[in-house]
């Protein structure tokens, strides 16, 4: 499926979610999940990258700026790493490194989403 069709369908679905599940679920679905995943895909795919401005414009028609700001404050939050979940020191070390990489990547994606969705000029 072409990237523009993906985000159009996701925005359409989000509007249906609001009626049934409320605004917080719509934000979680469209911004925390779909838009951030779209940004991740855009890192390596120029077709996705080209669609970001249009996707952003549509998201901004659905949500107020303050709603987006609140959503992005908690986007991709995870539980702290707990070494007690693992049996041996080598696994703990590997999982801790993996967790740090995943958290750093998530932080960068959320910051990129914040730049796109909260910048004043677009």
C-alpha atoms as a PDB file:
ATOM      1  CA  UNK A   1       0.000   0.000   0.000  1.00  0.00           C
ATOM      2  CA  UNK A   2       1.267   3.483  -0.850  1.00  0.00           C
ATOM      3  CA  UNK A   3       2.209   5.693   2.116  1.00  0.00           C
ATOM      4  CA  UNK A   4      -0.455   8.317   1.357  1.00  0.00           C
ATOM      5  CA  UNK A   5      -3.166   5.663   1.431  1.00  0.00           C
ATOM      6  CA  UNK A   6      -1.818   4.340   4.730  1.00  0.00           C
ATOM      7  CA  UNK A   7      -2.058   7.636   6.603  1.00  0.00           C
ATOM      8  CA  UNK A   8      -5.396   8.530   5.036  1.00  0.00           C
ATOM      9  CA  UNK A   9      -6.870   5.215   6.230  1.00  0.00           C
ATOM     10  CA  UNK A  10      -5.310   5.680   9.678  1.00  0.00           C
ATOM     11  CA  UNK A  11      -6.821   9.148  10.046  1.00  0.00           C
ATOM     12  CA  UNK A  12     -10.194   7.844   8.915  1.00  0.00           C
ATOM     13  CA  UNK A  13      -9.972   5.009  11.444  1.00  0.00           C
ATOM     14  CA  UNK A  14      -8.994   7.473  14.181  1.00  0.00           C
ATOM     15  CA  UNK A  15     -12.189   9.411  13.694  1.00  0.00           C
ATOM     16  CA  UNK A  16     -14.169   6.202  14.227  1.00  0.00           C
ATOM     17  CA  UNK A  17     -12.203   5.351  17.357  1.00  0.00           C
ATOM     18  CA  UNK A  18     -13.067   8.722  18.905  1.00  0.00           C
ATOM     19  CA  UNK A  19     -16.779   8.049  18.697  1.00  0.00           C
ATOM     20  CA  UNK A  20     -16.428   4.649  20.319  1.00  0.00           C
ATOM     21  CA  UNK A  21     -13.444   4.937  22.682  1.00  0.00           C
ATOM     22  CA  UNK A  22     -12.747   8.634  23.320  1.00  0.00           C
ATOM     23  CA  UNK A  23     -10.085  11.187  22.526  1.00  0.00           C
ATOM     24  CA  UNK A  24      -7.277   9.649  24.614  1.00  0.00           C
ATOM     25  CA  UNK A  25      -7.492   6.403  22.641  1.00  0.00           C
ATOM     26  CA  UNK A  26      -7.498   8.332  19.367  1.00  0.00           C
ATOM     27  CA  UNK A  27      -4.346  10.184  20.387  1.00  0.00           C
ATOM     28  CA  UNK A  28      -2.688   6.961  21.460  1.00  0.00           C
ATOM     29  CA  UNK A  29      -3.646   5.219  18.220  1.00  0.00           C
ATOM     30  CA  UNK A  30      -2.886   7.941  15.711  1.00  0.00           C
ATOM     31  CA  UNK A  31      -0.022   9.887  17.286  1.00  0.00           C
ATOM     32  CA  UNK A  32       1.776   7.539  19.678  1.00  0.00           C
ATOM     33  CA  UNK A  33       1.443   4.504  17.447  1.00  0.00           C
ATOM     34  CA  UNK A  34       0.750   5.264  13.783  1.00  0.00           C
ATOM     35  CA  UNK A  35       2.466   8.633  13.309  1.00  0.00           C
ATOM     36  CA  UNK A  36       5.602   7.683  15.238  1.00  0.00           C
ATOM     37  CA  UNK A  37       5.811   4.395  13.321  1.00  0.00           C
ATOM     38  CA  UNK A  38       5.379   6.377  10.099  1.00  0.00           C
ATOM     39  CA  UNK A  39       8.310   8.602  11.101  1.00  0.00           C
ATOM     40  CA  UNK A  40      10.382   5.521  11.765  1.00  0.00           C
ATOM     41  CA  UNK A  41       9.582   4.144   8.305  1.00  0.00           C
ATOM     42  CA  UNK A  42      10.419   7.550   6.799  1.00  0.00           C
ATOM     43  CA  UNK A  43      13.981   7.241   8.084  1.00  0.00           C
ATOM     44  CA  UNK A  44      14.719   4.736   5.331  1.00  0.00           C
ATOM     45  CA  UNK A  45      11.908   5.249   2.814  1.00  0.00           C
ATOM     46  CA  UNK A  46      11.656   8.425   0.742  1.00  0.00           C
ATOM     47  CA  UNK A  47       8.000   7.761  -0.159  1.00  0.00           C
ATOM     48  CA  UNK A  48       7.070   7.849   3.524  1.00  0.00           C
ATOM     49  CA  UNK A  49       9.278  10.883   4.103  1.00  0.00           C
ATOM     50  CA  UNK A  50       7.510  12.784   1.316  1.00  0.00           C
ATOM     51  CA  UNK A  51       4.104  12.152   2.929  1.00  0.00           C
ATOM     52  CA  UNK A  52       4.985  13.474   6.390  1.00  0.00           C
ATOM     53  CA  UNK A  53       3.813  17.083   5.774  1.00  0.00           C
ATOM     54  CA  UNK A  54       0.412  15.941   4.511  1.00  0.00           C
ATOM     55  CA  UNK A  55       0.006  13.461   7.385  1.00  0.00           C
ATOM     56  CA  UNK A  56       0.931  16.208   9.865  1.00  0.00           C
ATOM     57  CA  UNK A  57      -1.580  18.606   8.315  1.00  0.00           C
ATOM     58  CA  UNK A  58      -4.354  16.035   8.662  1.00  0.00           C
ATOM     59  CA  UNK A  59      -3.436  15.206  12.262  1.00  0.00           C
ATOM     60  CA  UNK A  60      -3.615  18.926  13.046  1.00  0.00           C
ATOM     61  CA  UNK A  61      -7.187  19.018  11.742  1.00  0.00           C
ATOM     62  CA  UNK A  62      -8.165  16.277  14.190  1.00  0.00           C
ATOM     63  CA  UNK A  63      -6.449  17.499  17.370  1.00  0.00           C
ATOM     64  CA  UNK A  64      -5.775  20.761  19.155  1.00  0.00           C
ATOM     65  CA  UNK A  65      -2.138  21.690  19.699  1.00  0.00           C
ATOM     66  CA  UNK A  66      -2.481  21.250  23.477  1.00  0.00           C
ATOM     67  CA  UNK A  67      -3.802  17.708  23.005  1.00  0.00           C
ATOM     68  CA  UNK A  68      -0.817  16.820  20.849  1.00  0.00           C
ATOM     69  CA  UNK A  69       1.581  18.371  23.368  1.00  0.00           C
ATOM     70  CA  UNK A  70       0.066  16.385  26.250  1.00  0.00           C
ATOM     71  CA  UNK A  71       0.127  13.182  24.235  1.00  0.00           C
ATOM     72  CA  UNK A  72       3.776  13.595  23.270  1.00  0.00           C
ATOM     73  CA  UNK A  73       4.762  14.157  26.897  1.00  0.00           C
ATOM     74  CA  UNK A  74       3.985  10.512  27.639  1.00  0.00           C
ATOM     75  CA  UNK A  75       4.516   8.897  24.235  1.00  0.00           C
ATOM     76  CA  UNK A  76       6.606   5.742  24.209  1.00  0.00           C
ATOM     77  CA  UNK A  77       7.078   5.728  27.969  1.00  0.00           C
ATOM     78  CA  UNK A  78       8.184   2.346  29.248  1.00  0.00           C
ATOM     79  CA  UNK A  79       8.785   0.707  32.581  1.00  0.00           C
ATOM     80  CA  UNK A  80      12.320   1.039  33.971  1.00  0.00           C
ATOM     81  CA  UNK A  81      14.729  -1.777  33.178  1.00  0.00           C
ATOM     82  CA  UNK A  82      14.667  -4.374  35.943  1.00  0.00           C
ATOM     83  CA  UNK A  83      17.638  -6.750  36.082  1.00  0.00           C
ATOM     84  CA  UNK A  84      15.647  -9.012  38.428  1.00  0.00           C
ATOM     85  CA  UNK A  85      13.724 -10.146  35.344  1.00  0.00           C
ATOM     86  CA  UNK A  86      16.823 -12.035  34.093  1.00  0.00           C
ATOM     87  CA  UNK A  87      18.797 -14.992  35.397  1.00  0.00           C
ATOM     88  CA  UNK A  88      22.438 -14.293  34.594  1.00  0.00           C
ATOM     89  CA  UNK A  89      24.839 -11.373  34.366  1.00  0.00           C
ATOM     90  CA  UNK A  90      25.502 -11.747  30.627  1.00  0.00           C
ATOM     91  CA  UNK A  91      21.795 -11.680  29.771  1.00  0.00           C
ATOM     92  CA  UNK A  92      21.307  -8.683  32.061  1.00  0.00           C
ATOM     93  CA  UNK A  93      24.115  -6.831  30.270  1.00  0.00           C
ATOM     94  CA  UNK A  94      22.752  -7.644  26.809  1.00  0.00           C
ATOM     95  CA  UNK A  95      19.172  -6.759  27.725  1.00  0.00           C
ATOM     96  CA  UNK A  96      20.222  -3.524  29.430  1.00  0.00           C
ATOM     97  CA  UNK A  97      22.113  -2.446  26.279  1.00  0.00           C
ATOM     98  CA  UNK A  98      19.149  -3.404  24.124  1.00  0.00           C
ATOM     99  CA  UNK A  99      16.812  -1.435  26.399  1.00  0.00           C
ATOM    100  CA  UNK A 100      19.033   1.652  26.243  1.00  0.00           C
ATOM    101  CA  UNK A 101      19.152   1.491  22.422  1.00  0.00           C
ATOM    102  CA  UNK A 102      15.377   1.043  22.195  1.00  0.00           C
ATOM    103  CA  UNK A 103      14.729   3.922  24.619  1.00  0.00           C
ATOM    104  CA  UNK A 104      17.138   6.218  22.779  1.00  0.00           C
ATOM    105  CA  UNK A 105      15.508   5.415  19.434  1.00  0.00           C
ATOM    106  CA  UNK A 106      12.056   6.032  20.908  1.00  0.00           C
ATOM    107  CA  UNK A 107      13.178   9.329  22.419  1.00  0.00           C
ATOM    108  CA  UNK A 108      14.498  10.515  19.061  1.00  0.00           C
ATOM    109  CA  UNK A 109      11.270   9.526  17.309  1.00  0.00           C
ATOM    110  CA  UNK A 110       9.125  11.311  19.895  1.00  0.00           C
ATOM    111  CA  UNK A 111      11.281  14.436  19.579  1.00  0.00           C
ATOM    112  CA  UNK A 112      10.917  14.288  15.798  1.00  0.00           C
ATOM    113  CA  UNK A 113       7.141  13.916  16.212  1.00  0.00           C
ATOM    114  CA  UNK A 114       7.142  16.898  18.582  1.00  0.00           C
ATOM    115  CA  UNK A 115       9.009  19.006  16.002  1.00  0.00           C
ATOM    116  CA  UNK A 116       6.535  18.116  13.256  1.00  0.00           C
ATOM    117  CA  UNK A 117       3.322  18.333  15.245  1.00  0.00           C
ATOM    118  CA  UNK A 118       4.030  21.274  17.524  1.00  0.00           C
ATOM    119  CA  UNK A 119       5.956  23.645  15.300  1.00  0.00           C
ATOM    120  CA  UNK A 120       4.061  26.879  14.908  1.00  0.00           C
ATOM    121  CA  UNK A 121       4.676  27.629  11.234  1.00  0.00           C
ATOM    122  CA  UNK A 122       2.935  24.616   9.679  1.00  0.00           C
END
